[in-house]
Amino acid sequence: MNKDDFLRGLELRLRGLPEDEQRRIQYVYEELFRQAEANGKSEQEIIAWLSQPNRGPEWMGVQAPPSYESYPTPPQDNTAKAMLVSIALGFFNLIFVLAPFLAICGVLFAFSLTSVLLIASPLFMLLGTGLDQSNTILLVELFGSLVLVGLGLLFGTAMMAIVPRFFRLTRTYIRANKRLIKGE
């Protein structure tokens, strides 16, 4: 019997236990093999030692392992699951998320551009009007452009509050997608 046969037999004996507990116990035995081999013991000596009850680990030149619950669960291969989750999330995002995301980005861009144009409206008024108009018309246009500047400042203030929150929400959604793909 070699190490692989011993570990396969151990796996068969552990069948009734939960899967994560089986992996932890197997990890403890593999760690014992590694430590004993590092101390110069052969596979046959290790198997003989592990097969006999009431043998202390001092004989093998290794420390007694802590309880198997303290060992981490060995990593699993979740490649297929991650691929399926990625494909499903891709379709979901393409069908249900992309169009609203682009529409919201477009609206935010339009409001931001509108606020800039409204703030610049006095310049357009000065460039667009001739100086040969009466003072009354110039005052009305000036008053109108000042109202537009006020609206532009309101839109700009609102966009400065909304846009960072929207992109923070987008980052949170992307991180949630990454966690789903990783299986966390």
N, C-alpha and C. Protein backbone atom coordinates (compact mmCIF):
# COMPACT_ATOMS: atom_id res chain seq x y z
N MET A 1 0.86 -1.17 0.00
CA MET A 1 0.00 0.00 0.00
C MET A 1 0.90 1.23 0.00
N ASN A 2 0.52 2.21 -0.84
CA ASN A 2 1.28 3.46 -0.86
C ASN A 2 0.39 4.60 -0.33
N LYS A 3 0.92 5.79 -0.36
CA LYS A 3 0.23 6.96 0.18
C LYS A 3 -1.11 7.18 -0.50
N ASP A 4 -1.14 7.09 -1.84
CA ASP A 4 -2.39 7.31 -2.58
C ASP A 4 -3.45 6.28 -2.22
N ASP A 5 -3.04 5.02 -2.09
CA ASP A 5 -4.00 3.98 -1.69
C ASP A 5 -4.54 4.25 -0.29
N PHE A 6 -3.65 4.65 0.61
CA PHE A 6 -4.07 4.94 1.97
C PHE A 6 -5.09 6.08 2.00
N LEU A 7 -4.80 7.16 1.24
CA LEU A 7 -5.70 8.31 1.22
C LEU A 7 -7.03 7.98 0.56
N ARG A 8 -7.01 7.10 -0.49
CA ARG A 8 -8.27 6.66 -1.11
C ARG A 8 -9.10 5.84 -0.12
N GLY A 9 -8.45 4.96 0.64
CA GLY A 9 -9.15 4.18 1.66
C GLY A 9 -9.74 5.09 2.74
N LEU A 10 -8.98 6.10 3.12
CA LEU A 10 -9.47 7.07 4.09
C LEU A 10 -10.71 7.78 3.56
N GLU A 11 -10.66 8.15 2.29
CA GLU A 11 -11.80 8.82 1.66
C GLU A 11 -13.04 7.93 1.70
N LEU A 12 -12.87 6.64 1.46
CA LEU A 12 -14.00 5.72 1.51
C LEU A 12 -14.56 5.61 2.93
N ARG A 13 -13.70 5.60 3.92
CA ARG A 13 -14.16 5.50 5.31
C ARG A 13 -14.86 6.77 5.79
N LEU A 14 -14.60 7.88 5.15
CA LEU A 14 -15.19 9.15 5.59
C LEU A 14 -16.47 9.50 4.84
N ARG A 15 -16.96 8.62 4.01
CA ARG A 15 -18.10 8.93 3.14
C ARG A 15 -19.33 9.47 3.86
N GLY A 16 -19.64 9.05 5.04
CA GLY A 16 -20.85 9.47 5.73
C GLY A 16 -20.79 10.88 6.31
N LEU A 17 -19.61 11.46 6.37
CA LEU A 17 -19.44 12.78 6.96
C LEU A 17 -19.76 13.88 5.95
N PRO A 18 -20.07 15.09 6.41
CA PRO A 18 -20.26 16.22 5.48
C PRO A 18 -18.99 16.47 4.67
N GLU A 19 -19.18 17.00 3.49
CA GLU A 19 -18.08 17.16 2.53
C GLU A 19 -16.95 18.04 3.07
N ASP A 20 -17.29 19.16 3.70
CA ASP A 20 -16.21 20.04 4.20
C ASP A 20 -15.43 19.37 5.33
N GLU A 21 -16.11 18.55 6.15
CA GLU A 21 -15.42 17.83 7.21
C GLU A 21 -14.50 16.76 6.62
N GLN A 22 -14.94 16.10 5.56
CA GLN A 22 -14.10 15.10 4.89
C GLN A 22 -12.82 15.76 4.37
N ARG A 23 -12.98 16.93 3.72
CA ARG A 23 -11.81 17.62 3.18
C ARG A 23 -10.84 18.03 4.28
N ARG A 24 -11.36 18.48 5.41
CA ARG A 24 -10.48 18.88 6.52
C ARG A 24 -9.69 17.69 7.06
N ILE A 25 -10.37 16.56 7.25
CA ILE A 25 -9.68 15.37 7.77
C ILE A 25 -8.62 14.91 6.77
N GLN A 26 -8.96 14.90 5.49
CA GLN A 26 -7.98 14.50 4.48
C GLN A 26 -6.79 15.46 4.47
N TYR A 27 -7.07 16.72 4.67
CA TYR A 27 -6.00 17.72 4.72
C TYR A 27 -5.07 17.44 5.89
N VAL A 28 -5.61 17.07 7.06
CA VAL A 28 -4.79 16.76 8.23
C VAL A 28 -3.88 15.58 7.92
N TYR A 29 -4.41 14.51 7.32
CA TYR A 29 -3.60 13.34 7.00
C TYR A 29 -2.53 13.68 5.96
N GLU A 30 -2.88 14.46 4.95
CA GLU A 30 -1.88 14.86 3.95
C GLU A 30 -0.77 15.68 4.61
N GLU A 31 -1.16 16.54 5.56
CA GLU A 31 -0.17 17.35 6.27
C GLU A 31 0.74 16.46 7.12
N LEU A 32 0.18 15.43 7.75
CA LEU A 32 1.01 14.49 8.51
C LEU A 32 2.01 13.79 7.58
N PHE A 33 1.55 13.37 6.41
CA PHE A 33 2.46 12.74 5.44
C PHE A 33 3.58 13.71 5.07
N ARG A 34 3.23 14.97 4.79
CA ARG A 34 4.26 15.94 4.38
C ARG A 34 5.29 16.15 5.48
N GLN A 35 4.81 16.32 6.72
CA GLN A 35 5.73 16.57 7.82
C GLN A 35 6.63 15.36 8.10
N ALA A 36 6.03 14.17 8.06
CA ALA A 36 6.83 12.97 8.34
C ALA A 36 7.85 12.71 7.23
N GLU A 37 7.45 12.94 5.97
CA GLU A 37 8.39 12.77 4.86
C GLU A 37 9.52 13.79 4.96
N ALA A 38 9.18 15.00 5.42
CA ALA A 38 10.22 16.03 5.59
C ALA A 38 11.20 15.62 6.69
N ASN A 39 10.76 14.78 7.63
CA ASN A 39 11.63 14.30 8.70
C ASN A 39 12.30 12.97 8.35
N GLY A 40 12.22 12.57 7.09
CA GLY A 40 12.96 11.40 6.64
C GLY A 40 12.25 10.07 6.77
N LYS A 41 10.98 10.04 7.03
CA LYS A 41 10.24 8.78 7.14
C LYS A 41 9.74 8.36 5.76
N SER A 42 9.69 7.05 5.53
CA SER A 42 9.19 6.54 4.25
C SER A 42 7.67 6.43 4.31
N GLU A 43 7.07 6.28 3.13
CA GLU A 43 5.61 6.13 3.06
C GLU A 43 5.15 4.92 3.85
N GLN A 44 5.90 3.83 3.76
CA GLN A 44 5.50 2.60 4.46
C GLN A 44 5.52 2.80 5.97
N GLU A 45 6.53 3.50 6.49
CA GLU A 45 6.60 3.76 7.93
C GLU A 45 5.42 4.64 8.37
N ILE A 46 5.11 5.63 7.55
CA ILE A 46 4.02 6.55 7.89
C ILE A 46 2.70 5.79 7.90
N ILE A 47 2.46 4.96 6.89
CA ILE A 47 1.21 4.21 6.81
C ILE A 47 1.11 3.23 7.98
N ALA A 48 2.21 2.57 8.33
CA ALA A 48 2.19 1.64 9.46
C ALA A 48 1.87 2.40 10.75
N TRP A 49 2.46 3.57 10.91
CA TRP A 49 2.21 4.38 12.10
C TRP A 49 0.76 4.83 12.17
N LEU A 50 0.22 5.33 11.03
CA LEU A 50 -1.15 5.82 11.00
C LEU A 50 -2.17 4.69 11.15
N SER A 51 -1.79 3.48 10.77
CA SER A 51 -2.72 2.35 10.85
C SER A 51 -2.83 1.79 12.26
N GLN A 52 -1.86 2.03 13.11
CA GLN A 52 -1.89 1.49 14.47
C GLN A 52 -2.50 2.51 15.43
N PRO A 53 -3.42 2.06 16.28
CA PRO A 53 -4.03 2.99 17.23
C PRO A 53 -3.04 3.35 18.35
N ASN A 54 -3.28 4.47 18.98
CA ASN A 54 -2.55 4.93 20.16
C ASN A 54 -1.06 5.17 19.90
N ARG A 55 -0.69 5.56 18.72
CA ARG A 55 0.69 5.94 18.43
C ARG A 55 0.80 7.45 18.55
N GLY A 56 1.78 7.92 19.27
CA GLY A 56 1.97 9.35 19.40
C GLY A 56 2.73 9.91 18.21
N PRO A 57 2.51 11.14 17.86
CA PRO A 57 3.19 11.74 16.72
C PRO A 57 4.67 11.97 16.96
N GLU A 58 5.12 11.87 18.23
CA GLU A 58 6.54 12.09 18.51
C GLU A 58 7.40 11.05 17.79
N TRP A 59 6.87 9.82 17.63
CA TRP A 59 7.59 8.75 16.96
C TRP A 59 7.97 9.14 15.53
N MET A 60 7.07 9.91 14.90
CA MET A 60 7.32 10.31 13.51
C MET A 60 8.19 11.56 13.43
N GLY A 61 8.42 12.19 14.56
CA GLY A 61 9.22 13.42 14.54
C GLY A 61 8.39 14.62 14.10
N VAL A 62 7.08 14.53 14.27
CA VAL A 62 6.22 15.65 13.91
C VAL A 62 5.44 16.06 15.14
N GLN A 63 4.96 17.27 15.12
CA GLN A 63 4.15 17.74 16.22
C GLN A 63 2.75 17.17 16.08
N ALA A 64 2.06 17.06 17.20
CA ALA A 64 0.68 16.60 17.15
C ALA A 64 -0.15 17.65 16.43
N PRO A 65 -0.94 17.23 15.47
CA PRO A 65 -1.74 18.22 14.74
C PRO A 65 -2.86 18.74 15.62
N PRO A 66 -3.24 20.00 15.44
CA PRO A 66 -4.40 20.49 16.16
C PRO A 66 -5.64 19.77 15.65
N SER A 67 -6.75 19.99 16.31
CA SER A 67 -7.96 19.31 15.85
C SER A 67 -8.24 19.70 14.40
N TYR A 68 -8.83 18.78 13.68
CA TYR A 68 -8.99 18.99 12.25
C TYR A 68 -9.90 20.17 11.94
N GLU A 69 -10.73 20.62 12.90
CA GLU A 69 -11.61 21.76 12.64
C GLU A 69 -10.81 23.04 12.42
N SER A 70 -9.60 23.12 13.02
CA SER A 70 -8.81 24.34 12.89
C SER A 70 -8.09 24.42 11.55
N TYR A 71 -8.04 23.33 10.79
CA TYR A 71 -7.40 23.37 9.48
C TYR A 71 -8.34 24.03 8.48
N PRO A 72 -7.78 24.80 7.58
CA PRO A 72 -8.66 25.41 6.58
C PRO A 72 -9.18 24.35 5.61
N THR A 73 -10.33 24.65 5.06
CA THR A 73 -10.87 23.76 4.04
C THR A 73 -10.07 23.96 2.78
N PRO A 74 -9.54 22.89 2.18
CA PRO A 74 -8.78 23.05 0.95
C PRO A 74 -9.64 23.68 -0.14
N PRO A 75 -9.03 24.47 -1.00
CA PRO A 75 -9.82 25.14 -2.04
C PRO A 75 -10.45 24.13 -3.00
N GLN A 76 -11.63 24.51 -3.49
CA GLN A 76 -12.34 23.67 -4.44
C GLN A 76 -12.15 24.25 -5.84
N ASP A 77 -12.35 23.41 -6.82
CA ASP A 77 -12.28 23.86 -8.19
C ASP A 77 -13.69 24.25 -8.63
N ASN A 78 -13.96 25.55 -8.67
CA ASN A 78 -15.28 26.04 -9.02
C ASN A 78 -15.29 26.67 -10.40
N THR A 79 -14.43 26.21 -11.29
CA THR A 79 -14.32 26.83 -12.60
C THR A 79 -15.61 26.72 -13.38
N ALA A 80 -16.21 25.53 -13.41
CA ALA A 80 -17.44 25.34 -14.18
C ALA A 80 -18.57 26.18 -13.60
N LYS A 81 -18.67 26.20 -12.28
CA LYS A 81 -19.72 26.99 -11.64
C LYS A 81 -19.52 28.47 -11.94
N ALA A 82 -18.28 28.93 -11.85
CA ALA A 82 -17.99 30.34 -12.13
C ALA A 82 -18.33 30.69 -13.58
N MET A 83 -18.06 29.77 -14.50
CA MET A 83 -18.38 30.03 -15.91
C MET A 83 -19.89 30.13 -16.10
N LEU A 84 -20.64 29.22 -15.48
CA LEU A 84 -22.10 29.27 -15.61
C LEU A 84 -22.66 30.55 -15.01
N VAL A 85 -22.16 30.93 -13.84
CA VAL A 85 -22.63 32.15 -13.21
C VAL A 85 -22.26 33.36 -14.07
N SER A 86 -21.07 33.34 -14.66
CA SER A 86 -20.65 34.45 -15.54
C SER A 86 -21.55 34.58 -16.75
N ILE A 87 -21.87 33.46 -17.35
CA ILE A 87 -22.74 33.48 -18.54
C ILE A 87 -24.13 33.97 -18.16
N ALA A 88 -24.67 33.45 -17.05
CA ALA A 88 -26.00 33.87 -16.62
C ALA A 88 -26.03 35.36 -16.28
N LEU A 89 -25.01 35.83 -15.55
CA LEU A 89 -24.95 37.25 -15.23
C LEU A 89 -24.78 38.10 -16.48
N GLY A 90 -24.00 37.61 -17.44
CA GLY A 90 -23.82 38.34 -18.69
C GLY A 90 -25.14 38.53 -19.42
N PHE A 91 -25.92 37.45 -19.53
CA PHE A 91 -27.23 37.57 -20.19
C PHE A 91 -28.17 38.48 -19.40
N PHE A 92 -28.20 38.32 -18.08
CA PHE A 92 -29.06 39.17 -17.25
C PHE A 92 -28.69 40.63 -17.42
N ASN A 93 -27.38 40.93 -17.33
CA ASN A 93 -26.94 42.32 -17.46
C ASN A 93 -27.21 42.87 -18.84
N LEU A 94 -27.03 42.04 -19.87
CA LEU A 94 -27.27 42.49 -21.23
C LEU A 94 -28.75 42.79 -21.47
N ILE A 95 -29.63 41.93 -20.95
CA ILE A 95 -31.05 42.07 -21.22
C ILE A 95 -31.72 43.10 -20.31
N PHE A 96 -31.43 43.04 -19.00
CA PHE A 96 -32.17 43.85 -18.05
C PHE A 96 -31.42 45.06 -17.52
N VAL A 97 -30.12 45.08 -17.56
CA VAL A 97 -29.37 46.14 -16.89
C VAL A 97 -28.76 47.14 -17.87
N LEU A 98 -28.28 46.68 -19.01
CA LEU A 98 -27.53 47.56 -19.92
C LEU A 98 -28.37 48.72 -20.43
N ALA A 99 -29.58 48.46 -20.93
CA ALA A 99 -30.41 49.54 -21.49
C ALA A 99 -30.75 50.60 -20.43
N PRO A 100 -31.24 50.22 -19.24
CA PRO A 100 -31.49 51.27 -18.24
C PRO A 100 -30.21 52.01 -17.82
N PHE A 101 -29.09 51.28 -17.73
CA PHE A 101 -27.83 51.93 -17.37
C PHE A 101 -27.45 52.99 -18.40
N LEU A 102 -27.53 52.63 -19.68
CA LEU A 102 -27.19 53.60 -20.74
C LEU A 102 -28.17 54.76 -20.76
N ALA A 103 -29.46 54.48 -20.52
CA ALA A 103 -30.46 55.55 -20.49
C ALA A 103 -30.18 56.52 -19.34
N ILE A 104 -29.87 55.99 -18.17
CA ILE A 104 -29.57 56.86 -17.03
C ILE A 104 -28.30 57.66 -17.28
N CYS A 105 -27.28 57.01 -17.85
CA CYS A 105 -26.05 57.75 -18.19
C CYS A 105 -26.35 58.87 -19.18
N GLY A 106 -27.19 58.59 -20.16
CA GLY A 106 -27.57 59.62 -21.14
C GLY A 106 -28.30 60.78 -20.50
N VAL A 107 -29.24 60.48 -19.61
CA VAL A 107 -29.98 61.55 -18.92
C VAL A 107 -29.05 62.37 -18.05
N LEU A 108 -28.16 61.71 -17.31
CA LEU A 108 -27.22 62.45 -16.47
C LEU A 108 -26.30 63.33 -17.30
N PHE A 109 -25.83 62.80 -18.44
CA PHE A 109 -24.99 63.60 -19.33
C PHE A 109 -25.76 64.78 -19.89
N ALA A 110 -27.02 64.54 -20.30
CA ALA A 110 -27.82 65.63 -20.87
C ALA A 110 -28.07 66.72 -19.84
N PHE A 111 -28.41 66.36 -18.61
CA PHE A 111 -28.63 67.37 -17.57
C PHE A 111 -27.34 68.11 -17.25
N SER A 112 -26.22 67.42 -17.23
CA SER A 112 -24.94 68.08 -16.95
C SER A 112 -24.59 69.06 -18.07
N LEU A 113 -24.77 68.65 -19.31
CA LEU A 113 -24.49 69.54 -20.44
C LEU A 113 -25.46 70.73 -20.44
N THR A 114 -26.72 70.47 -20.12
CA THR A 114 -27.70 71.54 -20.05
C THR A 114 -27.32 72.57 -18.99
N SER A 115 -26.84 72.08 -17.84
CA SER A 115 -26.46 73.03 -16.78
C SER A 115 -25.29 73.91 -17.23
N VAL A 116 -24.33 73.32 -17.94
CA VAL A 116 -23.20 74.11 -18.43
C VAL A 116 -23.66 75.15 -19.45
N LEU A 117 -24.56 74.73 -20.34
CA LEU A 117 -25.05 75.66 -21.36
C LEU A 117 -25.90 76.76 -20.74
N LEU A 118 -26.71 76.43 -19.74
CA LEU A 118 -27.52 77.45 -19.08
C LEU A 118 -26.65 78.45 -18.34
N ILE A 119 -25.58 77.97 -17.72
CA ILE A 119 -24.67 78.88 -17.02
C ILE A 119 -23.96 79.80 -18.01
N ALA A 120 -23.68 79.30 -19.20
CA ALA A 120 -23.00 80.11 -20.22
C ALA A 120 -23.97 80.96 -21.04
N SER A 121 -25.27 80.93 -20.71
CA SER A 121 -26.26 81.65 -21.53
C SER A 121 -26.02 83.16 -21.63
N PRO A 122 -25.50 83.87 -20.61
CA PRO A 122 -25.24 85.31 -20.81
C PRO A 122 -24.23 85.57 -21.92
N LEU A 123 -23.26 84.67 -22.08
CA LEU A 123 -22.30 84.84 -23.18
C LEU A 123 -22.99 84.69 -24.53
N PHE A 124 -23.88 83.70 -24.62
CA PHE A 124 -24.62 83.51 -25.88
C PHE A 124 -25.52 84.71 -26.16
N MET A 125 -26.09 85.26 -25.10
CA MET A 125 -26.96 86.43 -25.27
C MET A 125 -26.15 87.61 -25.79
N LEU A 126 -24.96 87.81 -25.23
CA LEU A 126 -24.13 88.93 -25.69
C LEU A 126 -23.65 88.72 -27.12
N LEU A 127 -23.34 87.49 -27.49
CA LEU A 127 -22.88 87.22 -28.85
C LEU A 127 -24.01 87.28 -29.85
N GLY A 128 -25.21 86.93 -29.40
CA GLY A 128 -26.34 86.82 -30.33
C GLY A 128 -27.09 88.11 -30.54
N THR A 129 -26.98 89.04 -29.65
CA THR A 129 -27.75 90.28 -29.79
C THR A 129 -26.89 91.36 -30.41
N GLY A 130 -27.51 92.17 -31.15
CA GLY A 130 -26.81 93.31 -31.71
C GLY A 130 -26.89 94.47 -30.73
N LEU A 131 -25.95 95.34 -30.78
CA LEU A 131 -25.95 96.46 -29.86
C LEU A 131 -26.91 97.56 -30.30
N ASP A 132 -27.49 97.42 -31.49
CA ASP A 132 -28.40 98.45 -31.98
C ASP A 132 -29.82 98.26 -31.45
N GLN A 133 -30.07 97.24 -30.59
CA GLN A 133 -31.40 97.03 -30.04
C GLN A 133 -31.64 98.03 -28.91
N SER A 134 -32.90 98.17 -28.58
CA SER A 134 -33.24 99.12 -27.51
C SER A 134 -32.82 98.56 -26.16
N ASN A 135 -32.71 99.47 -25.21
CA ASN A 135 -32.29 99.07 -23.87
C ASN A 135 -33.30 98.14 -23.22
N THR A 136 -34.57 98.29 -23.51
CA THR A 136 -35.60 97.47 -22.90
C THR A 136 -35.43 96.01 -23.32
N ILE A 137 -35.18 95.78 -24.58
CA ILE A 137 -35.00 94.42 -25.07
C ILE A 137 -33.73 93.81 -24.47
N LEU A 138 -32.67 94.61 -24.38
CA LEU A 138 -31.44 94.10 -23.78
C LEU A 138 -31.64 93.75 -22.31
N LEU A 139 -32.41 94.54 -21.57
CA LEU A 139 -32.67 94.26 -20.17
C LEU A 139 -33.50 92.98 -20.02
N VAL A 140 -34.48 92.79 -20.89
CA VAL A 140 -35.30 91.57 -20.84
C VAL A 140 -34.44 90.35 -21.14
N GLU A 141 -33.59 90.46 -22.15
CA GLU A 141 -32.71 89.34 -22.47
C GLU A 141 -31.70 89.08 -21.35
N LEU A 142 -31.19 90.14 -20.75
CA LEU A 142 -30.27 89.98 -19.64
C LEU A 142 -30.95 89.32 -18.44
N PHE A 143 -32.16 89.76 -18.12
CA PHE A 143 -32.91 89.16 -17.03
C PHE A 143 -33.20 87.68 -17.34
N GLY A 144 -33.61 87.41 -18.56
CA GLY A 144 -33.87 86.01 -18.96
C GLY A 144 -32.63 85.15 -18.86
N SER A 145 -31.49 85.69 -19.26
CA SER A 145 -30.26 84.91 -19.18
C SER A 145 -29.83 84.69 -17.74
N LEU A 146 -30.11 85.66 -16.85
CA LEU A 146 -29.80 85.47 -15.43
C LEU A 146 -30.68 84.38 -14.81
N VAL A 147 -31.94 84.32 -15.23
CA VAL A 147 -32.83 83.25 -14.77
C VAL A 147 -32.28 81.90 -15.25
N LEU A 148 -31.82 81.86 -16.50
CA LEU A 148 -31.25 80.62 -17.03
C LEU A 148 -29.97 80.24 -16.29
N VAL A 149 -29.16 81.22 -15.89
CA VAL A 149 -27.96 80.92 -15.11
C VAL A 149 -28.35 80.29 -13.77
N GLY A 150 -29.39 80.84 -13.14
CA GLY A 150 -29.86 80.26 -11.88
C GLY A 150 -30.32 78.82 -12.06
N LEU A 151 -31.08 78.56 -13.13
CA LEU A 151 -31.50 77.18 -13.42
C LEU A 151 -30.29 76.29 -13.68
N GLY A 152 -29.32 76.81 -14.40
CA GLY A 152 -28.10 76.04 -14.67
C GLY A 152 -27.35 75.69 -13.41
N LEU A 153 -27.28 76.63 -12.47
CA LEU A 153 -26.62 76.36 -11.19
C LEU A 153 -27.38 75.30 -10.39
N LEU A 154 -28.72 75.37 -10.43
CA LEU A 154 -29.52 74.34 -9.75
C LEU A 154 -29.28 72.96 -10.37
N PHE A 155 -29.33 72.90 -11.71
CA PHE A 155 -29.07 71.62 -12.39
C PHE A 155 -27.67 71.11 -12.08
N GLY A 156 -26.69 72.02 -12.12
CA GLY A 156 -25.30 71.63 -11.86
C GLY A 156 -25.11 71.11 -10.44
N THR A 157 -25.73 71.78 -9.47
CA THR A 157 -25.64 71.32 -8.08
C THR A 157 -26.27 69.94 -7.93
N ALA A 158 -27.43 69.77 -8.56
CA ALA A 158 -28.10 68.46 -8.50
C ALA A 158 -27.24 67.38 -9.15
N MET A 159 -26.62 67.68 -10.27
CA MET A 159 -25.78 66.69 -10.95
C MET A 159 -24.53 66.37 -10.14
N MET A 160 -24.00 67.35 -9.44
CA MET A 160 -22.82 67.09 -8.60
C MET A 160 -23.15 66.18 -7.43
N ALA A 161 -24.42 66.16 -7.02
CA ALA A 161 -24.83 65.26 -5.95
C ALA A 161 -25.23 63.89 -6.49
N ILE A 162 -25.87 63.85 -7.65
CA ILE A 162 -26.43 62.60 -8.18
C ILE A 162 -25.38 61.74 -8.87
N VAL A 163 -24.52 62.33 -9.69
CA VAL A 163 -23.57 61.56 -10.50
C VAL A 163 -22.62 60.72 -9.64
N PRO A 164 -21.99 61.25 -8.59
CA PRO A 164 -21.11 60.39 -7.78
C PRO A 164 -21.86 59.23 -7.12
N ARG A 165 -23.09 59.49 -6.67
CA ARG A 165 -23.88 58.41 -6.07
C ARG A 165 -24.21 57.34 -7.09
N PHE A 166 -24.52 57.76 -8.31
CA PHE A 166 -24.83 56.79 -9.37
C PHE A 166 -23.62 55.92 -9.67
N PHE A 167 -22.45 56.52 -9.77
CA PHE A 167 -21.26 55.71 -10.07
C PHE A 167 -20.84 54.86 -8.88
N ARG A 168 -21.10 55.32 -7.65
CA ARG A 168 -20.85 54.48 -6.47
C ARG A 168 -21.79 53.27 -6.49
N LEU A 169 -23.04 53.49 -6.85
CA LEU A 169 -24.00 52.39 -6.97
C LEU A 169 -23.57 51.41 -8.08
N THR A 170 -23.06 51.94 -9.17
CA THR A 170 -22.58 51.09 -10.27
C THR A 170 -21.40 50.24 -9.80
N ARG A 171 -20.45 50.84 -9.07
CA ARG A 171 -19.31 50.08 -8.55
C ARG A 171 -19.77 48.98 -7.60
N THR A 172 -20.75 49.29 -6.75
CA THR A 172 -21.28 48.29 -5.82
C THR A 172 -21.92 47.13 -6.58
N TYR A 173 -22.65 47.44 -7.65
CA TYR A 173 -23.27 46.39 -8.46
C TYR A 173 -22.21 45.51 -9.14
N ILE A 174 -21.15 46.12 -9.63
CA ILE A 174 -20.08 45.36 -10.27
C ILE A 174 -19.38 44.47 -9.25
N ARG A 175 -19.13 44.99 -8.04
CA ARG A 175 -18.51 44.16 -6.99
C ARG A 175 -19.42 43.00 -6.61
N ALA A 176 -20.73 43.23 -6.56
CA ALA A 176 -21.67 42.14 -6.25
C ALA A 176 -21.61 41.07 -7.33
N ASN A 177 -21.50 41.49 -8.59
CA ASN A 177 -21.36 40.52 -9.68
C ASN A 177 -20.08 39.71 -9.53
N LYS A 178 -18.98 40.38 -9.17
CA LYS A 178 -17.71 39.66 -8.98
C LYS A 178 -17.82 38.65 -7.85
N ARG A 179 -18.48 39.04 -6.73
CA ARG A 179 -18.65 38.11 -5.62
C ARG A 179 -19.50 36.91 -6.03
N LEU A 180 -20.52 37.14 -6.84
CA LEU A 180 -21.33 36.02 -7.32
C LEU A 180 -20.51 35.06 -8.17
N ILE A 181 -19.66 35.62 -9.02
CA ILE A 181 -18.84 34.78 -9.89
C ILE A 181 -17.83 33.99 -9.06
N LYS A 182 -17.25 34.62 -8.04
CA LYS A 182 -16.29 33.92 -7.19
C LYS A 182 -16.95 32.92 -6.27
N GLY A 183 -18.27 33.04 -6.10
CA GLY A 183 -18.98 32.09 -5.24
C GLY A 183 -18.97 32.48 -3.79
N GLU A 184 -18.78 33.73 -3.49
CA GLU A 184 -18.72 34.19 -2.09
C GLU A 184 -20.11 34.47 -1.58
